[in-house]
Every structure is written in structure tokens, then in C-alpha cells.
Protein backbone atom coordinates (compact mmCIF):
# COMPACT_ATOMS: atom_id res chain seq x y z
CA MET A 1 -238.32 15.31 34.23
CA GLU A 2 -239.09 13.99 37.26
CA THR A 3 -235.43 13.18 38.70
CA LYS A 4 -234.81 16.78 38.21
CA LYS A 5 -238.03 17.69 40.20
CA GLN A 6 -237.01 15.68 43.25
CA LYS A 7 -233.42 17.79 43.22
CA VAL A 8 -235.48 21.00 44.32
CA LYS A 9 -235.02 20.71 48.03
CA LYS A 10 -238.07 21.20 50.48
CA SER A 11 -238.48 23.06 53.84
CA ASN A 12 -242.29 23.04 55.29
CA GLY A 13 -241.37 25.58 57.72
CA VAL A 14 -242.71 26.40 61.21
CA SER A 15 -246.71 26.40 61.26
CA ALA A 16 -248.03 29.75 61.66
CA ALA A 17 -250.85 28.16 63.54
CA LEU A 18 -248.51 26.21 66.29
CA VAL A 19 -247.25 29.98 66.44
CA VAL A 20 -250.06 31.51 67.25
CA LEU A 21 -251.53 29.14 69.94
CA ALA A 22 -247.99 29.10 71.51
CA CYS A 23 -248.02 32.83 71.31
CA ALA A 24 -251.67 32.98 72.57
CA VAL A 25 -250.77 31.10 75.63
CA VAL A 26 -247.71 32.84 76.38
CA ALA A 27 -249.60 36.52 76.63
CA PHE A 28 -252.58 35.15 78.43
CA VAL A 29 -250.54 33.60 81.53
CA PHE A 30 -248.06 36.92 81.73
CA PHE A 31 -251.00 39.11 81.20
CA PHE A 32 -253.22 37.63 83.72
CA GLY A 33 -251.14 35.53 85.64
CA TYR A 34 -247.89 38.13 85.89
CA CYS A 35 -250.04 41.23 85.37
CA GLY A 36 -252.90 40.15 87.32
CA ALA A 37 -251.12 39.17 90.31
CA ALA A 38 -252.16 40.48 93.62
CA SER A 39 -248.19 42.02 94.17
CA HIS A 40 -248.51 44.39 91.52
CA PHE A 41 -251.91 45.82 93.41
CA ASP A 42 -252.49 47.65 97.10
CA ALA A 43 -254.92 46.30 99.29
CA LYS A 44 -257.46 48.36 97.49
CA GLY A 45 -257.27 46.68 94.66
CA HIS A 46 -255.34 50.10 92.98
CA PRO A 47 -252.12 49.39 90.74
CA ILE A 48 -248.53 50.03 92.26
CA ASP A 49 -246.40 49.82 89.25
CA PHE A 50 -246.48 49.84 85.45
CA PHE A 51 -247.64 45.62 85.44
CA GLY A 52 -250.79 46.34 87.07
CA MET A 53 -251.47 49.36 85.17
CA TYR A 54 -251.00 47.52 82.00
CA PHE A 55 -253.63 44.86 83.54
CA GLN A 56 -255.83 47.42 83.68
CA GLY A 57 -255.84 47.75 79.83
CA GLY A 58 -258.34 44.71 79.69
CA PHE A 59 -258.74 41.29 77.83
CA VAL A 60 -257.90 43.25 74.89
CA VAL A 61 -254.21 43.44 75.33
CA PRO A 62 -253.53 39.57 75.26
CA ILE A 63 -255.12 39.47 72.06
CA ILE A 64 -252.36 42.38 70.86
CA ILE A 65 -250.32 40.93 72.80
CA THR A 66 -250.74 37.85 70.92
CA LEU A 67 -250.18 39.31 67.93
CA LEU A 68 -247.04 41.45 68.77
CA LEU A 69 -245.49 38.07 70.15
CA THR A 70 -246.34 35.99 66.36
CA VAL A 71 -245.22 38.71 64.30
CA ILE A 72 -241.45 38.25 66.80
CA VAL A 73 -241.29 35.03 65.94
CA LEU A 74 -242.38 34.77 62.37
CA SER A 75 -239.93 37.30 61.43
CA VAL A 76 -237.48 35.46 63.25
CA GLU A 77 -238.47 32.28 61.72
CA ARG A 78 -238.12 33.94 57.74
CA ALA A 79 -234.91 35.25 58.80
CA ILE A 80 -233.94 32.01 59.46
CA ALA A 81 -235.40 30.23 56.17
CA LEU A 82 -234.33 33.09 53.73
CA SER A 83 -230.67 33.07 55.03
CA LYS A 84 -230.83 29.57 53.78
CA ALA A 85 -232.41 29.95 51.25
CA LYS A 86 -229.79 32.40 49.46
CA GLY A 87 -227.00 29.87 50.25
CA LYS A 88 -223.83 29.74 52.28
CA LYS A 89 -222.14 32.84 50.38
CA LYS A 90 -223.26 35.86 49.59
CA LEU A 91 -225.70 36.11 46.75
CA LEU A 92 -224.74 38.74 44.82
CA GLY A 93 -221.35 36.88 44.75
CA PHE A 94 -222.55 33.81 43.42
CA VAL A 95 -225.04 34.86 40.78
CA GLU A 96 -221.13 36.73 39.12
CA ALA A 97 -219.88 33.98 39.94
CA VAL A 98 -222.20 31.78 38.19
CA ASN A 99 -222.06 33.87 34.98
CA ALA A 100 -219.01 34.07 34.75
CA LYS A 101 -218.88 30.57 34.33
CA LEU A 102 -221.54 30.59 32.08
CA GLY A 103 -219.96 32.39 30.09
CA SER A 104 -216.95 30.08 29.40
CA ASP A 105 -219.40 27.32 28.77
CA ASP A 106 -218.15 25.91 31.63
CA LEU A 107 -221.11 23.95 33.08
CA ALA A 108 -219.50 21.68 35.38
CA GLY A 109 -218.18 24.70 36.87
CA ALA A 110 -221.79 26.53 37.30
CA ARG A 111 -223.32 23.16 38.74
CA LYS A 112 -220.14 22.73 41.63
CA LEU A 113 -220.71 26.44 42.46
CA CYS A 114 -224.43 25.16 42.47
CA ASP A 115 -223.88 22.47 44.81
CA GLU A 116 -221.45 24.41 47.15
CA GLN A 117 -224.14 27.18 47.58
CA GLY A 118 -226.70 25.02 48.83
CA GLY A 119 -230.29 26.78 49.19
CA SER A 120 -233.38 27.93 46.40
CA VAL A 121 -231.64 29.68 44.52
CA ALA A 122 -228.69 26.94 43.72
CA ASN A 123 -232.23 24.15 43.60
CA ILE A 124 -233.14 26.69 40.85
CA LEU A 125 -230.38 26.52 39.08
CA THR A 126 -229.24 23.23 39.07
CA SER A 127 -232.66 22.11 37.83
CA ALA A 128 -232.43 24.22 35.26
CA LEU A 129 -228.55 23.91 34.50
CA LEU A 130 -229.42 19.69 34.23
CA ARG A 131 -232.40 20.47 31.89
CA TYR A 132 -229.82 22.89 29.73
CA GLU A 133 -227.06 19.48 29.55
CA ASP A 134 -230.66 17.57 28.54
CA ILE A 135 -231.94 19.46 25.90
CA ASP A 136 -228.63 20.49 24.34
CA ARG A 137 -228.20 16.96 22.73
CA LYS A 138 -231.37 17.73 21.13
CA ASP A 139 -232.15 18.37 17.56
CA ILE A 140 -233.44 21.35 17.88
CA SER A 141 -233.41 25.60 17.45
CA ASN A 142 -231.63 27.18 19.55
CA ASP A 143 -234.70 29.49 20.31
CA GLU A 144 -237.13 26.07 21.22
CA LYS A 145 -234.19 25.07 23.53
CA GLU A 146 -233.76 28.93 24.92
CA GLU A 147 -237.94 28.69 25.18
CA MET A 148 -237.75 24.69 27.33
CA VAL A 149 -234.82 26.54 29.54
CA ARG A 150 -237.02 29.85 31.00
CA LYS A 151 -239.20 27.05 31.07
CA GLU A 152 -237.77 24.40 33.35
CA ILE A 153 -236.90 27.84 35.54
CA GLU A 154 -240.42 29.12 36.15
CA ASP A 155 -241.57 25.94 37.20
CA ALA A 156 -238.51 25.24 39.23
CA THR A 157 -239.20 28.42 41.11
CA THR A 158 -242.69 28.21 41.38
CA LEU A 159 -242.01 25.11 43.98
CA GLU A 160 -239.32 26.78 45.69
CA MET A 161 -241.30 30.39 45.83
CA PRO A 162 -244.18 28.67 48.81
CA THR A 163 -241.49 28.20 51.10
CA LEU A 164 -240.35 31.77 50.31
CA GLU A 165 -243.03 33.41 51.43
CA GLN A 166 -244.77 30.79 53.81
CA ASN A 167 -246.26 33.13 56.31
CA MET A 168 -245.90 36.19 55.13
CA SER A 169 -249.16 36.89 54.71
CA VAL A 170 -249.88 36.78 58.39
CA ILE A 171 -247.71 39.43 59.23
CA ALA A 172 -248.98 41.30 56.52
CA THR A 173 -252.84 40.47 58.06
CA ILE A 174 -251.37 41.13 61.43
CA SER A 175 -250.03 43.99 60.37
CA THR A 176 -253.42 45.31 59.90
CA LEU A 177 -255.78 43.41 61.92
CA GLY A 178 -252.73 44.46 65.30
CA THR A 179 -253.51 48.15 64.50
CA LEU A 180 -257.68 47.66 64.28
CA MET A 181 -257.34 45.71 67.68
CA GLY A 182 -255.69 48.25 69.38
CA LEU A 183 -258.42 50.26 68.43
CA PHE A 184 -261.06 48.20 69.36
CA GLY A 185 -260.16 48.22 73.11
CA THR A 186 -259.72 52.19 72.14
CA VAL A 187 -263.14 51.95 72.06
CA LEU A 188 -264.05 49.83 75.08
CA GLY A 189 -261.83 51.90 77.51
CA MET A 190 -263.50 54.91 75.91
CA ILE A 191 -266.83 53.21 76.48
CA ARG A 192 -265.67 52.45 80.07
CA SER A 193 -264.84 56.34 80.57
CA PHE A 194 -267.53 57.89 79.78
CA GLY A 195 -270.08 55.86 81.60
CA ALA A 196 -268.68 56.65 84.67
CA MET A 197 -267.83 60.44 83.91
CA GLY A 198 -271.98 60.17 82.85
CA GLN A 199 -272.96 59.28 86.45
CA GLU A 200 -275.05 60.91 88.75
CA GLY A 201 -273.00 63.50 91.14
CA ALA A 202 -268.82 63.48 90.83
CA PRO A 203 -267.84 60.72 88.57
CA ASP A 204 -265.97 57.65 89.59
CA SER A 205 -262.32 58.73 89.49
CA THR A 206 -261.78 54.88 89.77
CA ALA A 207 -263.61 53.76 86.81
CA LEU A 208 -262.84 56.94 85.15
CA ALA A 209 -258.70 55.72 85.31
CA VAL A 210 -259.23 52.40 84.33
CA GLY A 211 -260.93 53.79 81.18
CA ILE A 212 -258.44 55.60 79.74
CA SER A 213 -255.97 53.10 80.82
CA GLU A 214 -257.58 50.52 79.02
CA ALA A 215 -258.13 53.21 76.43
CA LEU A 216 -254.18 54.15 76.10
CA TYR A 217 -252.58 50.89 77.04
CA ASN A 218 -254.21 48.99 74.06
CA THR A 219 -253.86 51.97 71.58
CA ALA A 220 -250.19 51.87 72.12
CA THR A 221 -249.43 48.25 71.98
CA GLY A 222 -251.88 48.01 68.77
CA ILE A 223 -250.44 50.83 66.65
CA GLY A 224 -246.16 49.28 67.90
CA THR A 225 -247.72 45.82 67.06
CA GLY A 226 -248.89 47.45 64.00
CA ALA A 227 -245.76 49.57 62.60
CA LEU A 228 -243.87 46.12 63.54
CA ALA A 229 -245.13 43.80 60.66
CA ILE A 230 -245.23 46.50 58.54
CA VAL A 231 -241.64 46.82 58.71
CA SER A 232 -241.15 42.90 59.04
CA TYR A 233 -243.12 42.35 55.82
CA GLY A 234 -241.40 45.17 53.90
CA TYR A 235 -237.84 44.03 55.02
CA PHE A 236 -238.83 40.32 53.76
CA SER A 237 -240.48 41.33 50.54
CA GLY A 238 -236.96 43.05 49.34
CA LYS A 239 -234.71 39.79 50.24
CA ILE A 240 -237.92 37.89 48.53
CA GLN A 241 -237.87 40.38 45.88
CA ASP A 242 -233.46 39.88 45.39
CA ILE A 243 -233.60 36.07 45.14
CA THR A 244 -236.46 36.37 42.70
CA ASN A 245 -233.87 38.83 40.93
CA ALA A 246 -231.19 36.81 41.05
CA VAL A 247 -232.87 33.56 39.51
CA ASP A 248 -233.98 36.17 36.67
CA GLU A 249 -230.59 37.63 36.37
CA ILE A 250 -229.44 34.09 36.17
CA GLY A 251 -231.96 32.43 33.60
CA PHE A 252 -231.74 35.23 31.61
CA THR A 253 -227.82 34.08 31.46
CA ILE A 254 -228.18 30.44 30.57
CA GLY A 255 -231.40 30.99 27.81
CA GLN A 256 -228.41 33.76 26.27
CA THR A 257 -225.83 31.06 25.83
CA PHE A 258 -228.35 29.58 23.19
CA THR A 259 -227.96 32.70 21.49
CA LYS A 260 -224.34 33.43 21.43
CA ARG A 261 -224.78 30.12 19.64
CA SER A 262 -226.55 30.72 16.77
CA LEU A 263 -224.37 33.67 16.55
CA LYS A 264 -221.51 31.82 15.74
CA LYS A 265 -222.92 29.64 13.38
């Protein structure tokens, strides 16, 4: 059993903590180093272009930019990881080919297809086929054999799922946190705006404009970040479900070979 477990190749993936830290450095350097540069403001300190106005969004903006960059980087990382997990060929074609081999009781052919395919799905199926060959020689009922193969598939899937779902919880968290941080920045901007309007005499137009800019830029960046995270999470969750369904389908086919043998006897 130990040998079979080692055949399930593992991938550590990318650490979300390191991604967040790197994105934070980039976001704060961009915001304070570039957007806050003197070239984006006139002699009186008024912004003269988009980056200058964006700088007026306040300290919450680079935090939201950090979340936005994190979503983008983790989405690219998940796309690469799940592509490797599916293997070299299209998953649907691989499933159909393996099912055909199993239907003709060609275990060697099924193993060869798994070796050529690579990825998490092929790793799980290889583990199941090894178990299949091992128990096929045992003097036990076919129902017991089928149950043992199903258990092997469940165990192998459990080992692979952390790799497939890595960093998905971070993307799901940002889908909410990005919007909340945008709302937080909006509230701070509105507080500044109402503070400018509440002064005696004529309102401070500069402070009022800064407050409105802070509110609007935080709102836009926060909503955009949350929306991107939601789309990313939904897309990759669907991809993971496709992989899980493929494993379940072939696992069912493997188990049914024992049932067919019972019917032939």
C-alpha cells in the first residue's frame, strides 16, 4: 500500500502568504511612489492627471490594490495548476478512452493511458488500477473487491484535493473582503466630505473634493476587486468539479467490472 501512495505525485503550489506580501509591496510602491509623485500634482498640490487623483483615494486604496493583485496572481496560479491536474489531453476524451479500455478488461491499456495523460486524475486512476490488480487475485467476493477499489479511489482523491483546492479559500475571502474594504474607504471619504461641508462659512472645496475622490476611488476599486474574485472563484470551482466528476465516472466504471464478472458467472 505504501508503494501505491508514493505514486500519487504531489505539488506544493504557491504560498498565498508570499503572494499577498509581494503584491502588497508592489501596491504600496505603486501608490505612494508613483501615484504620489510630485509630477502628478501642480505647484499648489492639486492633482493634474488620473494618478494624482487616484492618490487622493487615501491609504485604503493600496490595501485594495493588494487584494486585486492577489486575485490576479492566484487566478493565474490556479489556471496553471488545474491545467496540469487535468493532464496533457482533454479530460473528456481521456475519460472516454479509459472507460473503453476498462470495458474491454484491458487494464494494461488503461494504465498506459494514465501514464501518457499525467496529472492528478491520472494519478488517482493509476492508484485505483494498482489496487484493482492487487485484489483481483484475492479469494474474496466481487462486491468486496468493488468496495475496496472505491475506497482506494476515495483515499487517492483525498490526497489530491488539497492541491486542487489550494488558495481557493483565499480567493473566496477576497471576494467579500475587497468589497468591504472599498466600503470602508468610501465611509472614510464621506466623513471627510461632510467634515468639509460642516465648517463655518463657505465649505472647503479642496477638502470636499478630496473626500469625494477618496469615496469614489475606494468604491470603484473595491467593487472591481470583489467582482473579479467572485468570477475567478466560480470559474475555478467549476473546473475542480469537472475533475472530480471525471474521477467519479471512471471509478464507477472500475467498480462495475467486478459486477459484470459476477453476472457472467
